[in-house]
């Protein structure tokens, strides 16, 4: 993604936090800062959404649940976008939590669709090839 260079004054404490994240993750300062700003904007646009580490990077999650947004949207699509059936499938989620996931999907459909497609691409054969220790014959 092409970026635009801007000058930015940060509080010293914020600067130190970003530098620590950079050192911990091995990612450069600019990338960490860009990602933090992007997440902050998304969380502001979609209240009830947080970001957390997943096995393959940071993902949008419904606050208070640990459930990634793509999981809820995949279920929503699998029930024919029937909100009543989705609420029944995720009966422990509040109305606001379900709404947060749907709002996030509405704002960022390409991101969520890409994650759903990635998950659906995992076949038994692909899992065995990538993780042979998981096959039943080992």
C-alpha atoms as a PDB file:
ATOM      1  CA  UNK A   1       0.000   0.000   0.000  1.00  0.00           C
ATOM      2  CA  UNK A   2       1.367   3.366  -0.979  1.00  0.00           C
ATOM      3  CA  UNK A   3       1.742   5.732   1.935  1.00  0.00           C
ATOM      4  CA  UNK A   4       2.019   9.448   2.441  1.00  0.00           C
ATOM      5  CA  UNK A   5       4.771  10.779   4.647  1.00  0.00           C
ATOM      6  CA  UNK A   6       3.635  13.064   7.470  1.00  0.00           C
ATOM      7  CA  UNK A   7       5.398  14.554  10.437  1.00  0.00           C
ATOM      8  CA  UNK A   8       3.888  13.702  13.802  1.00  0.00           C
ATOM      9  CA  UNK A   9       4.639  14.763  17.362  1.00  0.00           C
ATOM     10  CA  UNK A  10       4.095  12.001  19.900  1.00  0.00           C
ATOM     11  CA  UNK A  11       4.178  12.109  23.673  1.00  0.00           C
ATOM     12  CA  UNK A  12       7.395  10.535  24.947  1.00  0.00           C
ATOM     13  CA  UNK A  13       5.459   7.783  26.719  1.00  0.00           C
ATOM     14  CA  UNK A  14       3.660   6.840  23.481  1.00  0.00           C
ATOM     15  CA  UNK A  15       6.953   6.848  21.596  1.00  0.00           C
ATOM     16  CA  UNK A  16       8.473   4.467  24.148  1.00  0.00           C
ATOM     17  CA  UNK A  17       5.472   2.124  23.930  1.00  0.00           C
ATOM     18  CA  UNK A  18       5.727   1.945  20.139  1.00  0.00           C
ATOM     19  CA  UNK A  19       9.488   1.380  20.315  1.00  0.00           C
ATOM     20  CA  UNK A  20       8.935  -1.465  22.801  1.00  0.00           C
ATOM     21  CA  UNK A  21       6.336  -3.051  20.524  1.00  0.00           C
ATOM     22  CA  UNK A  22       8.765  -2.720  17.638  1.00  0.00           C
ATOM     23  CA  UNK A  23      11.545  -4.417  19.595  1.00  0.00           C
ATOM     24  CA  UNK A  24       9.228  -7.206  20.827  1.00  0.00           C
ATOM     25  CA  UNK A  25       7.820  -8.017  17.411  1.00  0.00           C
ATOM     26  CA  UNK A  26      10.797  -7.250  15.183  1.00  0.00           C
ATOM     27  CA  UNK A  27       8.614  -4.973  13.076  1.00  0.00           C
ATOM     28  CA  UNK A  28       9.718  -1.469  12.198  1.00  0.00           C
ATOM     29  CA  UNK A  29       8.453   1.645  13.964  1.00  0.00           C
ATOM     30  CA  UNK A  30       6.486   2.931  10.965  1.00  0.00           C
ATOM     31  CA  UNK A  31       4.649  -0.350  10.434  1.00  0.00           C
ATOM     32  CA  UNK A  32       3.718  -0.652  14.115  1.00  0.00           C
ATOM     33  CA  UNK A  33       2.514   2.966  14.221  1.00  0.00           C
ATOM     34  CA  UNK A  34       0.487   2.589  11.018  1.00  0.00           C
ATOM     35  CA  UNK A  35      -1.153  -0.587  12.311  1.00  0.00           C
ATOM     36  CA  UNK A  36      -2.006   1.007  15.676  1.00  0.00           C
ATOM     37  CA  UNK A  37      -3.556   4.035  13.985  1.00  0.00           C
ATOM     38  CA  UNK A  38      -5.534   1.844  11.584  1.00  0.00           C
ATOM     39  CA  UNK A  39      -6.884  -0.261  14.453  1.00  0.00           C
ATOM     40  CA  UNK A  40      -7.793   2.855  16.444  1.00  0.00           C
ATOM     41  CA  UNK A  41      -9.760   4.263  13.509  1.00  0.00           C
ATOM     42  CA  UNK A  42     -11.587   0.957  12.988  1.00  0.00           C
ATOM     43  CA  UNK A  43     -12.456   0.683  16.680  1.00  0.00           C
ATOM     44  CA  UNK A  44     -13.745   4.254  16.689  1.00  0.00           C
ATOM     45  CA  UNK A  45     -15.899   3.552  13.602  1.00  0.00           C
ATOM     46  CA  UNK A  46     -17.182   0.278  15.060  1.00  0.00           C
ATOM     47  CA  UNK A  47     -17.745   0.459  18.824  1.00  0.00           C
ATOM     48  CA  UNK A  48     -17.618  -2.962  20.464  1.00  0.00           C
ATOM     49  CA  UNK A  49     -14.745  -4.178  18.305  1.00  0.00           C
ATOM     50  CA  UNK A  50     -11.228  -4.724  19.593  1.00  0.00           C
ATOM     51  CA  UNK A  51      -8.100  -6.173  18.035  1.00  0.00           C
ATOM     52  CA  UNK A  52      -6.161  -9.103  19.386  1.00  0.00           C
ATOM     53  CA  UNK A  53      -3.426 -11.471  18.380  1.00  0.00           C
ATOM     54  CA  UNK A  54      -4.449 -14.555  16.490  1.00  0.00           C
ATOM     55  CA  UNK A  55      -2.372 -17.408  15.120  1.00  0.00           C
ATOM     56  CA  UNK A  56      -1.738 -15.433  11.959  1.00  0.00           C
ATOM     57  CA  UNK A  57      -1.683 -11.832  13.123  1.00  0.00           C
ATOM     58  CA  UNK A  58      -3.993  -9.296  14.670  1.00  0.00           C
ATOM     59  CA  UNK A  59      -7.679  -9.697  13.989  1.00  0.00           C
ATOM     60  CA  UNK A  60     -10.919  -7.854  14.706  1.00  0.00           C
ATOM     61  CA  UNK A  61     -12.766  -9.440  17.627  1.00  0.00           C
ATOM     62  CA  UNK A  62     -16.011  -8.739  19.434  1.00  0.00           C
ATOM     63  CA  UNK A  63     -15.129  -7.089  22.745  1.00  0.00           C
ATOM     64  CA  UNK A  64     -15.583  -9.292  25.779  1.00  0.00           C
ATOM     65  CA  UNK A  65     -15.730 -12.540  23.817  1.00  0.00           C
ATOM     66  CA  UNK A  66     -12.481 -13.470  22.087  1.00  0.00           C
ATOM     67  CA  UNK A  67     -14.585 -14.377  19.040  1.00  0.00           C
ATOM     68  CA  UNK A  68     -13.213 -13.060  15.784  1.00  0.00           C
ATOM     69  CA  UNK A  69     -15.628 -11.073  13.622  1.00  0.00           C
ATOM     70  CA  UNK A  70     -15.056 -13.320  10.605  1.00  0.00           C
ATOM     71  CA  UNK A  71     -16.326 -16.333  12.596  1.00  0.00           C
ATOM     72  CA  UNK A  72     -19.639 -14.635  13.344  1.00  0.00           C
ATOM     73  CA  UNK A  73     -20.011 -13.419   9.767  1.00  0.00           C
ATOM     74  CA  UNK A  74     -19.225 -16.886   8.393  1.00  0.00           C
ATOM     75  CA  UNK A  75     -22.006 -18.275  10.597  1.00  0.00           C
ATOM     76  CA  UNK A  76     -24.315 -15.439   9.516  1.00  0.00           C
ATOM     77  CA  UNK A  77     -23.741 -16.329   5.870  1.00  0.00           C
ATOM     78  CA  UNK A  78     -24.183 -20.051   6.564  1.00  0.00           C
ATOM     79  CA  UNK A  79     -27.661 -19.421   8.010  1.00  0.00           C
ATOM     80  CA  UNK A  80     -28.706 -17.426   4.956  1.00  0.00           C
ATOM     81  CA  UNK A  81     -28.155 -14.063   6.689  1.00  0.00           C
ATOM     82  CA  UNK A  82     -31.043 -14.858   9.018  1.00  0.00           C
ATOM     83  CA  UNK A  83     -30.487 -12.706  12.102  1.00  0.00           C
ATOM     84  CA  UNK A  84     -32.755 -14.848  14.311  1.00  0.00           C
ATOM     85  CA  UNK A  85     -30.797 -17.994  13.463  1.00  0.00           C
ATOM     86  CA  UNK A  86     -27.498 -16.194  14.015  1.00  0.00           C
ATOM     87  CA  UNK A  87     -28.645 -15.025  17.457  1.00  0.00           C
ATOM     88  CA  UNK A  88     -29.699 -18.598  18.260  1.00  0.00           C
ATOM     89  CA  UNK A  89     -26.283 -19.915  17.187  1.00  0.00           C
ATOM     90  CA  UNK A  90     -24.539 -17.304  19.329  1.00  0.00           C
ATOM     91  CA  UNK A  91     -27.130 -17.143  22.087  1.00  0.00           C
ATOM     92  CA  UNK A  92     -24.599 -15.980  24.682  1.00  0.00           C
ATOM     93  CA  UNK A  93     -23.804 -12.801  22.745  1.00  0.00           C
ATOM     94  CA  UNK A  94     -25.724  -9.642  23.515  1.00  0.00           C
ATOM     95  CA  UNK A  95     -27.656  -7.741  20.865  1.00  0.00           C
ATOM     96  CA  UNK A  96     -24.896  -5.094  20.938  1.00  0.00           C
ATOM     97  CA  UNK A  97     -22.134  -7.669  20.379  1.00  0.00           C
ATOM     98  CA  UNK A  98     -23.908  -9.156  17.360  1.00  0.00           C
ATOM     99  CA  UNK A  99     -24.551  -5.658  16.033  1.00  0.00           C
ATOM    100  CA  UNK A 100     -20.850  -4.768  16.488  1.00  0.00           C
ATOM    101  CA  UNK A 101     -19.800  -7.741  14.339  1.00  0.00           C
ATOM    102  CA  UNK A 102     -22.346  -6.934  11.638  1.00  0.00           C
ATOM    103  CA  UNK A 103     -21.348  -3.260  11.678  1.00  0.00           C
ATOM    104  CA  UNK A 104     -17.692  -4.125  11.312  1.00  0.00           C
ATOM    105  CA  UNK A 105     -18.497  -6.378   8.373  1.00  0.00           C
ATOM    106  CA  UNK A 106     -20.545  -3.620   6.795  1.00  0.00           C
ATOM    107  CA  UNK A 107     -17.592  -1.225   7.085  1.00  0.00           C
ATOM    108  CA  UNK A 108     -14.836  -3.703   6.111  1.00  0.00           C
ATOM    109  CA  UNK A 109     -16.370  -6.489   3.998  1.00  0.00           C
ATOM    110  CA  UNK A 110     -13.235  -7.202   1.929  1.00  0.00           C
ATOM    111  CA  UNK A 111     -11.165  -7.869   5.051  1.00  0.00           C
ATOM    112  CA  UNK A 112     -13.714 -10.245   6.545  1.00  0.00           C
ATOM    113  CA  UNK A 113     -14.505 -12.019   3.268  1.00  0.00           C
ATOM    114  CA  UNK A 114     -10.760 -12.610   2.735  1.00  0.00           C
ATOM    115  CA  UNK A 115     -10.495 -14.251   6.179  1.00  0.00           C
ATOM    116  CA  UNK A 116     -13.558 -16.415   5.548  1.00  0.00           C
ATOM    117  CA  UNK A 117     -12.167 -17.534   2.184  1.00  0.00           C
ATOM    118  CA  UNK A 118      -8.817 -18.316   3.772  1.00  0.00           C
ATOM    119  CA  UNK A 119     -10.477 -20.444   6.441  1.00  0.00           C
ATOM    120  CA  UNK A 120     -12.648 -22.259   3.898  1.00  0.00           C
ATOM    121  CA  UNK A 121      -9.583 -23.063   1.776  1.00  0.00           C
ATOM    122  CA  UNK A 122      -8.268 -25.434   4.452  1.00  0.00           C
ATOM    123  CA  UNK A 123      -8.940 -28.969   3.252  1.00  0.00           C
ATOM    124  CA  UNK A 124      -8.042 -32.175   5.067  1.00  0.00           C
ATOM    125  CA  UNK A 125      -5.247 -32.746   2.534  1.00  0.00           C
ATOM    126  CA  UNK A 126      -3.851 -29.231   2.962  1.00  0.00           C
ATOM    127  CA  UNK A 127      -3.810 -29.670   6.742  1.00  0.00           C
ATOM    128  CA  UNK A 128      -2.019 -33.029   6.447  1.00  0.00           C
ATOM    129  CA  UNK A 129       0.562 -31.543   4.058  1.00  0.00           C
ATOM    130  CA  UNK A 130       1.272 -28.512   6.247  1.00  0.00           C
ATOM    131  CA  UNK A 131       0.977 -30.325   9.570  1.00  0.00           C
ATOM    132  CA  UNK A 132       1.858 -34.007   9.040  1.00  0.00           C
ATOM    133  CA  UNK A 133       2.038 -34.620  12.800  1.00  0.00           C
ATOM    134  CA  UNK A 134      -1.739 -34.092  12.922  1.00  0.00           C
ATOM    135  CA  UNK A 135      -2.532 -36.974  10.538  1.00  0.00           C
ATOM    136  CA  UNK A 136      -3.953 -40.118  12.138  1.00  0.00           C
ATOM    137  CA  UNK A 137      -1.198 -42.414  10.802  1.00  0.00           C
ATOM    138  CA  UNK A 138       1.679 -40.711  12.624  1.00  0.00           C
END
